[in-house]
């Protein structure tokens, strides 16, 4: 019930495990954004390759606590070169968030547990790389190709 979902309830469901610092995830975001799909986003921060991935996931969860998850999601993917703390605070201000609350929330145990829960769910589902998309229970690693995009579009 607390998944991050956007898109019409009648659209084809796709579950996406992704990392905000991953270039391939940003490419995937662009490719999926034009489709009429129901997207579920789950965090899969690969800290060994992307040292800011965890911080960005926690920032997105903190934004979610103020009703702005998807807005920060889009901002992070639109400008992956600006994901250090000063830029996260700038994004929060630009979205009209209470920056003090945002900063407090992104460092909270509750937010860390939420990100960890998504990550663990991905591990249990067999995710080993980002992005990994699930369509009809079938995993697809890497950015979606034209064939998968056509299947998603229905």
N, C-alpha and C. Protein backbone atom coordinates (compact mmCIF):
# COMPACT_ATOMS: atom_id res chain seq x y z
N UNK A 1 0.80 -1.23 0.00
CA UNK A 1 0.00 0.00 0.00
C UNK A 1 0.83 1.28 0.00
N UNK A 2 2.10 1.21 0.41
CA UNK A 2 2.90 2.43 0.43
C UNK A 2 3.91 2.49 -0.72
N UNK A 3 3.69 1.65 -1.75
CA UNK A 3 4.53 1.74 -2.94
C UNK A 3 4.32 3.09 -3.61
N UNK A 4 5.34 3.52 -4.35
CA UNK A 4 5.24 4.74 -5.14
C UNK A 4 4.71 4.35 -6.51
N UNK A 5 3.50 4.79 -6.81
CA UNK A 5 2.83 4.37 -8.04
C UNK A 5 2.35 5.59 -8.79
N UNK A 6 2.53 5.55 -10.12
CA UNK A 6 1.90 6.57 -10.95
C UNK A 6 1.44 5.92 -12.23
N UNK A 7 0.35 6.48 -12.76
CA UNK A 7 -0.25 5.94 -13.97
C UNK A 7 -1.64 5.43 -13.67
N UNK A 8 -2.39 5.29 -14.73
CA UNK A 8 -3.79 4.86 -14.61
C UNK A 8 -3.89 3.43 -14.08
N UNK A 9 -4.88 3.20 -13.24
CA UNK A 9 -5.07 1.86 -12.67
C UNK A 9 -5.35 0.82 -13.74
N UNK A 10 -5.85 1.23 -14.88
CA UNK A 10 -6.16 0.30 -15.95
C UNK A 10 -4.97 0.01 -16.86
N UNK A 11 -3.88 0.74 -16.69
CA UNK A 11 -2.71 0.56 -17.55
C UNK A 11 -1.92 -0.67 -17.12
N UNK A 12 -1.07 -1.13 -18.00
CA UNK A 12 -0.23 -2.29 -17.71
C UNK A 12 0.73 -1.95 -16.56
N UNK A 13 0.84 -2.85 -15.61
CA UNK A 13 1.65 -2.64 -14.41
C UNK A 13 3.09 -3.05 -14.67
N UNK A 14 4.00 -2.17 -14.29
CA UNK A 14 5.42 -2.46 -14.36
C UNK A 14 6.05 -2.07 -13.02
N UNK A 15 6.83 -2.98 -12.47
CA UNK A 15 7.53 -2.73 -11.21
C UNK A 15 9.00 -2.49 -11.57
N UNK A 16 9.51 -1.37 -11.09
CA UNK A 16 10.84 -0.91 -11.46
C UNK A 16 11.73 -0.83 -10.22
N UNK A 17 12.84 -1.55 -10.24
CA UNK A 17 13.86 -1.43 -9.21
C UNK A 17 14.97 -0.58 -9.80
N UNK A 18 15.26 0.55 -9.15
CA UNK A 18 16.20 1.48 -9.74
C UNK A 18 17.00 2.23 -8.69
N UNK A 19 18.00 2.94 -9.18
CA UNK A 19 18.99 3.65 -8.38
C UNK A 19 19.11 5.05 -8.98
N UNK A 20 18.99 6.09 -8.17
CA UNK A 20 18.98 7.45 -8.68
C UNK A 20 20.32 7.92 -9.24
N UNK A 21 21.40 7.21 -8.95
CA UNK A 21 22.71 7.62 -9.48
C UNK A 21 23.09 6.83 -10.73
N UNK A 22 22.28 5.86 -11.10
CA UNK A 22 22.55 4.98 -12.24
C UNK A 22 22.12 5.64 -13.55
N UNK A 23 23.08 5.79 -14.45
CA UNK A 23 22.78 6.40 -15.76
C UNK A 23 21.74 5.59 -16.53
N UNK A 24 21.84 4.26 -16.46
CA UNK A 24 20.89 3.42 -17.19
C UNK A 24 19.47 3.55 -16.63
N UNK A 25 19.38 3.83 -15.34
CA UNK A 25 18.06 4.07 -14.74
C UNK A 25 17.47 5.38 -15.25
N UNK A 26 18.33 6.39 -15.42
CA UNK A 26 17.85 7.66 -15.98
C UNK A 26 17.36 7.46 -17.40
N UNK A 27 18.08 6.67 -18.19
CA UNK A 27 17.65 6.35 -19.55
C UNK A 27 16.31 5.63 -19.52
N UNK A 28 16.18 4.68 -18.61
CA UNK A 28 14.93 3.94 -18.46
C UNK A 28 13.79 4.88 -18.09
N UNK A 29 14.05 5.81 -17.20
CA UNK A 29 13.02 6.77 -16.80
C UNK A 29 12.51 7.55 -18.02
N UNK A 30 13.40 7.98 -18.87
CA UNK A 30 13.01 8.72 -20.08
C UNK A 30 12.18 7.82 -20.99
N UNK A 31 12.63 6.60 -21.18
CA UNK A 31 11.91 5.68 -22.08
C UNK A 31 10.53 5.32 -21.55
N UNK A 32 10.39 5.20 -20.23
CA UNK A 32 9.08 4.84 -19.67
C UNK A 32 8.15 6.03 -19.54
N UNK A 33 8.71 7.23 -19.48
CA UNK A 33 7.88 8.40 -19.18
C UNK A 33 6.82 8.68 -20.24
N UNK A 34 7.05 8.30 -21.46
CA UNK A 34 6.07 8.56 -22.50
C UNK A 34 5.02 7.48 -22.65
N UNK A 35 5.15 6.41 -21.91
CA UNK A 35 4.22 5.29 -22.04
C UNK A 35 3.04 5.42 -21.10
N UNK A 36 1.94 4.85 -21.50
CA UNK A 36 0.78 4.78 -20.62
C UNK A 36 0.88 3.48 -19.84
N UNK A 37 1.68 3.52 -18.80
CA UNK A 37 1.89 2.35 -17.95
C UNK A 37 1.64 2.77 -16.51
N UNK A 38 1.37 1.81 -15.68
CA UNK A 38 1.24 2.04 -14.24
C UNK A 38 2.57 1.62 -13.64
N UNK A 39 3.35 2.60 -13.21
CA UNK A 39 4.71 2.36 -12.72
C UNK A 39 4.75 2.30 -11.21
N UNK A 40 5.39 1.25 -10.72
CA UNK A 40 5.71 1.12 -9.30
C UNK A 40 7.22 1.28 -9.19
N UNK A 41 7.66 2.25 -8.41
CA UNK A 41 9.09 2.47 -8.23
C UNK A 41 9.52 1.91 -6.89
N UNK A 42 10.60 1.13 -6.92
CA UNK A 42 11.20 0.61 -5.70
C UNK A 42 12.70 0.89 -5.72
N UNK A 43 13.22 1.24 -4.56
CA UNK A 43 14.62 1.61 -4.43
C UNK A 43 15.52 0.38 -4.49
N UNK A 44 16.59 0.50 -5.26
CA UNK A 44 17.63 -0.53 -5.28
C UNK A 44 18.98 0.18 -5.39
N UNK A 45 19.37 0.91 -4.32
CA UNK A 45 20.62 1.66 -4.38
C UNK A 45 21.84 0.74 -4.36
N UNK A 46 22.62 0.79 -5.41
CA UNK A 46 23.82 -0.04 -5.53
C UNK A 46 25.00 0.80 -5.05
N UNK A 47 25.20 0.77 -3.74
CA UNK A 47 26.22 1.64 -3.13
C UNK A 47 27.64 1.32 -3.57
N UNK A 48 27.91 0.09 -3.97
CA UNK A 48 29.26 -0.28 -4.40
C UNK A 48 29.65 0.45 -5.69
N UNK A 49 28.69 0.78 -6.51
CA UNK A 49 28.95 1.49 -7.77
C UNK A 49 28.55 2.96 -7.69
N UNK A 50 27.57 3.25 -6.87
CA UNK A 50 27.00 4.60 -6.81
C UNK A 50 26.95 5.08 -5.36
N UNK A 51 28.00 5.77 -4.92
CA UNK A 51 28.09 6.14 -3.50
C UNK A 51 26.99 7.08 -3.01
N UNK A 52 26.34 7.83 -3.89
CA UNK A 52 25.26 8.74 -3.47
C UNK A 52 23.87 8.13 -3.64
N UNK A 53 23.81 6.90 -4.10
CA UNK A 53 22.51 6.26 -4.36
C UNK A 53 21.65 6.16 -3.10
N UNK A 54 22.25 5.76 -2.00
CA UNK A 54 21.49 5.61 -0.75
C UNK A 54 20.96 6.96 -0.29
N UNK A 55 21.81 7.98 -0.32
CA UNK A 55 21.38 9.33 0.11
C UNK A 55 20.24 9.84 -0.77
N UNK A 56 20.31 9.56 -2.06
CA UNK A 56 19.25 10.02 -2.96
C UNK A 56 17.95 9.26 -2.70
N UNK A 57 18.06 7.96 -2.45
CA UNK A 57 16.86 7.18 -2.14
C UNK A 57 16.20 7.70 -0.86
N UNK A 58 17.01 7.99 0.15
CA UNK A 58 16.46 8.53 1.40
C UNK A 58 15.86 9.92 1.18
N UNK A 59 16.48 10.72 0.32
CA UNK A 59 15.93 12.04 0.01
C UNK A 59 14.57 11.91 -0.67
N UNK A 60 14.45 10.96 -1.60
CA UNK A 60 13.16 10.74 -2.28
C UNK A 60 12.10 10.30 -1.28
N UNK A 61 12.48 9.45 -0.34
CA UNK A 61 11.53 9.02 0.69
C UNK A 61 11.14 10.18 1.60
N UNK A 62 12.10 11.04 1.92
CA UNK A 62 11.79 12.22 2.73
C UNK A 62 10.83 13.13 1.98
N UNK A 63 11.02 13.30 0.69
CA UNK A 63 10.09 14.10 -0.13
C UNK A 63 8.72 13.44 -0.15
N UNK A 64 8.70 12.12 -0.17
CA UNK A 64 7.43 11.39 -0.17
C UNK A 64 6.61 11.70 1.08
N UNK A 65 7.29 11.88 2.20
CA UNK A 65 6.60 12.19 3.46
C UNK A 65 5.90 13.55 3.40
N UNK A 66 6.27 14.35 2.39
CA UNK A 66 5.60 15.63 2.18
C UNK A 66 4.81 15.61 0.87
N UNK A 67 4.55 14.41 0.37
CA UNK A 67 3.70 14.26 -0.82
C UNK A 67 4.36 14.62 -2.14
N UNK A 68 5.70 14.58 -2.21
CA UNK A 68 6.38 15.02 -3.42
C UNK A 68 7.41 14.01 -3.94
N UNK A 69 7.14 12.73 -3.75
CA UNK A 69 8.09 11.71 -4.20
C UNK A 69 8.38 11.82 -5.69
N UNK A 70 7.34 11.80 -6.52
CA UNK A 70 7.57 11.75 -7.96
C UNK A 70 8.25 13.02 -8.47
N UNK A 71 7.98 14.14 -7.85
CA UNK A 71 8.62 15.38 -8.28
C UNK A 71 10.13 15.32 -8.01
N UNK A 72 10.52 14.80 -6.83
CA UNK A 72 11.95 14.68 -6.56
C UNK A 72 12.56 13.57 -7.41
N UNK A 73 11.86 12.49 -7.59
CA UNK A 73 12.29 11.40 -8.48
C UNK A 73 12.67 11.98 -9.83
N UNK A 74 11.79 12.76 -10.42
CA UNK A 74 12.04 13.33 -11.74
C UNK A 74 13.21 14.32 -11.72
N UNK A 75 13.30 15.12 -10.67
CA UNK A 75 14.39 16.10 -10.57
C UNK A 75 15.75 15.40 -10.44
N UNK A 76 15.80 14.33 -9.67
CA UNK A 76 17.07 13.62 -9.51
C UNK A 76 17.53 12.98 -10.82
N UNK A 77 16.60 12.40 -11.56
CA UNK A 77 16.98 11.80 -12.84
C UNK A 77 17.29 12.86 -13.90
N UNK A 78 16.68 14.00 -13.81
CA UNK A 78 16.92 15.06 -14.79
C UNK A 78 18.30 15.68 -14.64
N UNK A 79 18.90 15.59 -13.46
CA UNK A 79 20.18 16.25 -13.23
C UNK A 79 21.05 15.39 -12.30
N UNK A 80 21.50 14.25 -12.81
CA UNK A 80 22.27 13.33 -11.99
C UNK A 80 23.64 13.87 -11.57
N UNK A 81 24.09 14.92 -12.19
CA UNK A 81 25.36 15.52 -11.81
C UNK A 81 25.27 16.40 -10.58
N UNK A 82 24.04 16.61 -10.09
CA UNK A 82 23.84 17.49 -8.93
C UNK A 82 23.03 16.75 -7.86
N UNK A 83 23.72 15.81 -7.19
CA UNK A 83 23.01 15.01 -6.18
C UNK A 83 23.69 15.06 -4.81
N UNK A 84 24.65 15.94 -4.64
CA UNK A 84 25.26 16.13 -3.32
C UNK A 84 24.28 16.87 -2.43
N UNK A 85 24.52 16.89 -1.13
CA UNK A 85 23.59 17.49 -0.18
C UNK A 85 23.13 18.90 -0.53
N UNK A 86 24.02 19.82 -0.88
CA UNK A 86 23.51 21.18 -1.19
C UNK A 86 22.49 21.18 -2.33
N UNK A 87 22.67 20.27 -3.29
CA UNK A 87 21.73 20.19 -4.40
C UNK A 87 20.42 19.53 -3.97
N UNK A 88 20.50 18.56 -3.06
CA UNK A 88 19.28 17.95 -2.54
C UNK A 88 18.45 18.98 -1.80
N UNK A 89 19.12 19.84 -1.01
CA UNK A 89 18.39 20.90 -0.30
C UNK A 89 17.77 21.88 -1.30
N UNK A 90 18.51 22.17 -2.36
CA UNK A 90 17.99 23.08 -3.39
C UNK A 90 16.76 22.48 -4.06
N UNK A 91 16.83 21.19 -4.39
CA UNK A 91 15.65 20.52 -4.95
C UNK A 91 14.47 20.61 -3.99
N UNK A 92 14.74 20.36 -2.71
CA UNK A 92 13.66 20.41 -1.71
C UNK A 92 13.04 21.80 -1.65
N UNK A 93 13.87 22.83 -1.64
CA UNK A 93 13.35 24.21 -1.65
C UNK A 93 12.54 24.48 -2.91
N UNK A 94 13.06 24.05 -4.06
CA UNK A 94 12.36 24.28 -5.33
C UNK A 94 11.01 23.58 -5.38
N UNK A 95 10.89 22.48 -4.66
CA UNK A 95 9.62 21.75 -4.62
C UNK A 95 8.68 22.27 -3.53
N UNK A 96 9.13 23.28 -2.79
CA UNK A 96 8.30 23.85 -1.74
C UNK A 96 8.23 23.00 -0.49
N UNK A 97 9.23 22.14 -0.29
CA UNK A 97 9.24 21.29 0.90
C UNK A 97 9.74 22.07 2.10
N UNK A 98 9.34 21.63 3.27
CA UNK A 98 9.92 22.11 4.52
C UNK A 98 11.30 21.48 4.59
N UNK A 99 12.35 22.26 4.33
CA UNK A 99 13.70 21.73 4.19
C UNK A 99 14.22 21.14 5.49
N UNK A 100 13.90 21.74 6.61
CA UNK A 100 14.34 21.18 7.90
C UNK A 100 13.72 19.81 8.13
N UNK A 101 12.43 19.70 7.86
CA UNK A 101 11.76 18.40 8.00
C UNK A 101 12.33 17.40 6.99
N UNK A 102 12.53 17.83 5.76
CA UNK A 102 13.12 16.99 4.71
C UNK A 102 14.46 16.43 5.18
N UNK A 103 15.32 17.28 5.72
CA UNK A 103 16.64 16.85 6.16
C UNK A 103 16.54 15.89 7.35
N UNK A 104 15.65 16.20 8.27
CA UNK A 104 15.44 15.33 9.44
C UNK A 104 14.93 13.96 8.98
N UNK A 105 13.93 13.97 8.09
CA UNK A 105 13.34 12.72 7.62
C UNK A 105 14.33 11.87 6.84
N UNK A 106 15.14 12.50 6.00
CA UNK A 106 16.04 11.70 5.16
C UNK A 106 17.14 11.02 5.98
N UNK A 107 17.37 11.48 7.19
CA UNK A 107 18.34 10.85 8.08
C UNK A 107 17.68 9.96 9.13
N UNK A 108 16.38 9.78 9.05
CA UNK A 108 15.66 9.01 10.08
C UNK A 108 15.77 7.50 9.86
N UNK A 109 15.60 6.78 10.95
CA UNK A 109 15.59 5.32 10.90
C UNK A 109 14.43 4.80 10.07
N UNK A 110 13.29 5.48 10.15
CA UNK A 110 12.10 5.05 9.40
C UNK A 110 12.34 5.10 7.90
N UNK A 111 12.95 6.18 7.44
CA UNK A 111 13.24 6.32 6.01
C UNK A 111 14.28 5.28 5.59
N UNK A 112 15.32 5.10 6.39
CA UNK A 112 16.34 4.10 6.07
C UNK A 112 15.72 2.70 5.99
N UNK A 113 14.81 2.40 6.90
CA UNK A 113 14.14 1.09 6.89
C UNK A 113 13.29 0.92 5.64
N UNK A 114 12.65 1.99 5.19
CA UNK A 114 11.82 1.93 3.97
C UNK A 114 12.68 1.61 2.75
N UNK A 115 13.82 2.29 2.63
CA UNK A 115 14.72 2.04 1.50
C UNK A 115 15.27 0.62 1.59
N UNK A 116 15.67 0.22 2.78
CA UNK A 116 16.21 -1.14 2.97
C UNK A 116 15.16 -2.19 2.63
N UNK A 117 13.92 -1.95 2.99
CA UNK A 117 12.84 -2.90 2.68
C UNK A 117 12.71 -3.10 1.17
N UNK A 118 12.72 -1.99 0.40
CA UNK A 118 12.66 -2.10 -1.06
C UNK A 118 13.85 -2.90 -1.59
N UNK A 119 15.04 -2.57 -1.08
CA UNK A 119 16.25 -3.25 -1.54
C UNK A 119 16.15 -4.75 -1.27
N UNK A 120 15.75 -5.12 -0.06
CA UNK A 120 15.64 -6.54 0.30
C UNK A 120 14.58 -7.25 -0.55
N UNK A 121 13.48 -6.56 -0.84
CA UNK A 121 12.45 -7.15 -1.71
C UNK A 121 13.03 -7.41 -3.09
N UNK A 122 13.86 -6.50 -3.57
CA UNK A 122 14.52 -6.70 -4.85
C UNK A 122 15.45 -7.90 -4.84
N UNK A 123 16.24 -8.02 -3.79
CA UNK A 123 17.14 -9.17 -3.66
C UNK A 123 16.34 -10.46 -3.68
N UNK A 124 15.25 -10.50 -2.91
CA UNK A 124 14.40 -11.70 -2.87
C UNK A 124 13.79 -12.01 -4.23
N UNK A 125 13.53 -10.96 -5.02
CA UNK A 125 12.94 -11.15 -6.36
C UNK A 125 13.98 -11.50 -7.41
N UNK A 126 15.26 -11.48 -7.02
CA UNK A 126 16.31 -11.84 -7.97
C UNK A 126 16.97 -10.67 -8.67
N UNK A 127 16.72 -9.45 -8.21
CA UNK A 127 17.35 -8.27 -8.81
C UNK A 127 18.85 -8.30 -8.49
N UNK A 128 19.67 -8.12 -9.52
CA UNK A 128 21.12 -8.06 -9.31
C UNK A 128 21.73 -6.82 -9.95
N UNK A 129 20.96 -6.11 -10.74
CA UNK A 129 21.47 -4.92 -11.40
C UNK A 129 20.34 -3.91 -11.56
N UNK A 130 20.74 -2.67 -11.82
CA UNK A 130 19.74 -1.64 -12.08
C UNK A 130 19.91 -1.14 -13.49
N UNK A 131 18.79 -0.77 -14.09
CA UNK A 131 17.44 -1.02 -13.62
C UNK A 131 17.03 -2.46 -13.88
N UNK A 132 16.08 -2.93 -13.11
CA UNK A 132 15.41 -4.19 -13.39
C UNK A 132 13.91 -3.90 -13.36
N UNK A 133 13.25 -4.27 -14.44
CA UNK A 133 11.81 -4.07 -14.57
C UNK A 133 11.11 -5.41 -14.52
N UNK A 134 9.96 -5.44 -13.88
CA UNK A 134 9.13 -6.64 -13.84
C UNK A 134 7.84 -6.34 -14.58
N UNK A 135 7.57 -7.15 -15.57
CA UNK A 135 6.35 -7.04 -16.35
C UNK A 135 5.71 -8.42 -16.36
N UNK A 136 4.51 -8.52 -15.82
CA UNK A 136 3.85 -9.82 -15.75
C UNK A 136 4.64 -10.85 -14.96
N UNK A 137 5.38 -10.40 -13.94
CA UNK A 137 6.15 -11.30 -13.11
C UNK A 137 7.49 -11.71 -13.70
N UNK A 138 7.79 -11.26 -14.91
CA UNK A 138 9.04 -11.59 -15.59
C UNK A 138 10.04 -10.44 -15.45
N UNK A 139 11.26 -10.77 -15.03
CA UNK A 139 12.30 -9.75 -14.83
C UNK A 139 13.00 -9.42 -16.13
N UNK A 140 13.29 -8.12 -16.29
CA UNK A 140 14.03 -7.63 -17.45
C UNK A 140 15.11 -6.69 -16.93
N UNK A 141 16.37 -7.12 -17.02
CA UNK A 141 17.47 -6.31 -16.52
C UNK A 141 17.96 -5.36 -17.60
N UNK A 142 18.31 -4.15 -17.18
CA UNK A 142 18.83 -3.14 -18.09
C UNK A 142 17.73 -2.27 -18.66
N UNK A 143 18.13 -1.23 -19.38
CA UNK A 143 17.13 -0.33 -19.98
C UNK A 143 16.23 -1.10 -20.94
N UNK A 144 14.96 -0.78 -20.99
CA UNK A 144 14.05 -1.51 -21.87
C UNK A 144 14.36 -1.23 -23.34
N UNK A 145 14.37 -2.30 -24.15
CA UNK A 145 14.56 -2.13 -25.58
C UNK A 145 13.20 -1.89 -26.24
N UNK A 146 13.19 -1.71 -27.54
CA UNK A 146 11.94 -1.38 -28.23
C UNK A 146 10.90 -2.49 -28.11
N UNK A 147 11.34 -3.74 -28.06
CA UNK A 147 10.41 -4.86 -27.92
C UNK A 147 9.70 -4.82 -26.57
N UNK A 148 10.47 -4.60 -25.51
CA UNK A 148 9.86 -4.53 -24.18
C UNK A 148 8.97 -3.30 -24.05
N UNK A 149 9.40 -2.19 -24.60
CA UNK A 149 8.58 -0.98 -24.56
C UNK A 149 7.23 -1.20 -25.26
N UNK A 150 7.26 -1.94 -26.37
CA UNK A 150 6.01 -2.25 -27.09
C UNK A 150 5.11 -3.14 -26.24
N UNK A 151 5.70 -4.09 -25.52
CA UNK A 151 4.90 -4.94 -24.63
C UNK A 151 4.30 -4.15 -23.49
N UNK A 152 5.07 -3.22 -22.94
CA UNK A 152 4.58 -2.39 -21.84
C UNK A 152 3.43 -1.52 -22.32
N UNK A 153 3.60 -0.96 -23.51
CA UNK A 153 2.56 -0.08 -24.06
C UNK A 153 1.29 -0.85 -24.36
N UNK A 154 1.40 -2.15 -24.49
CA UNK A 154 0.22 -2.98 -24.68
C UNK A 154 -0.21 -3.01 -26.09
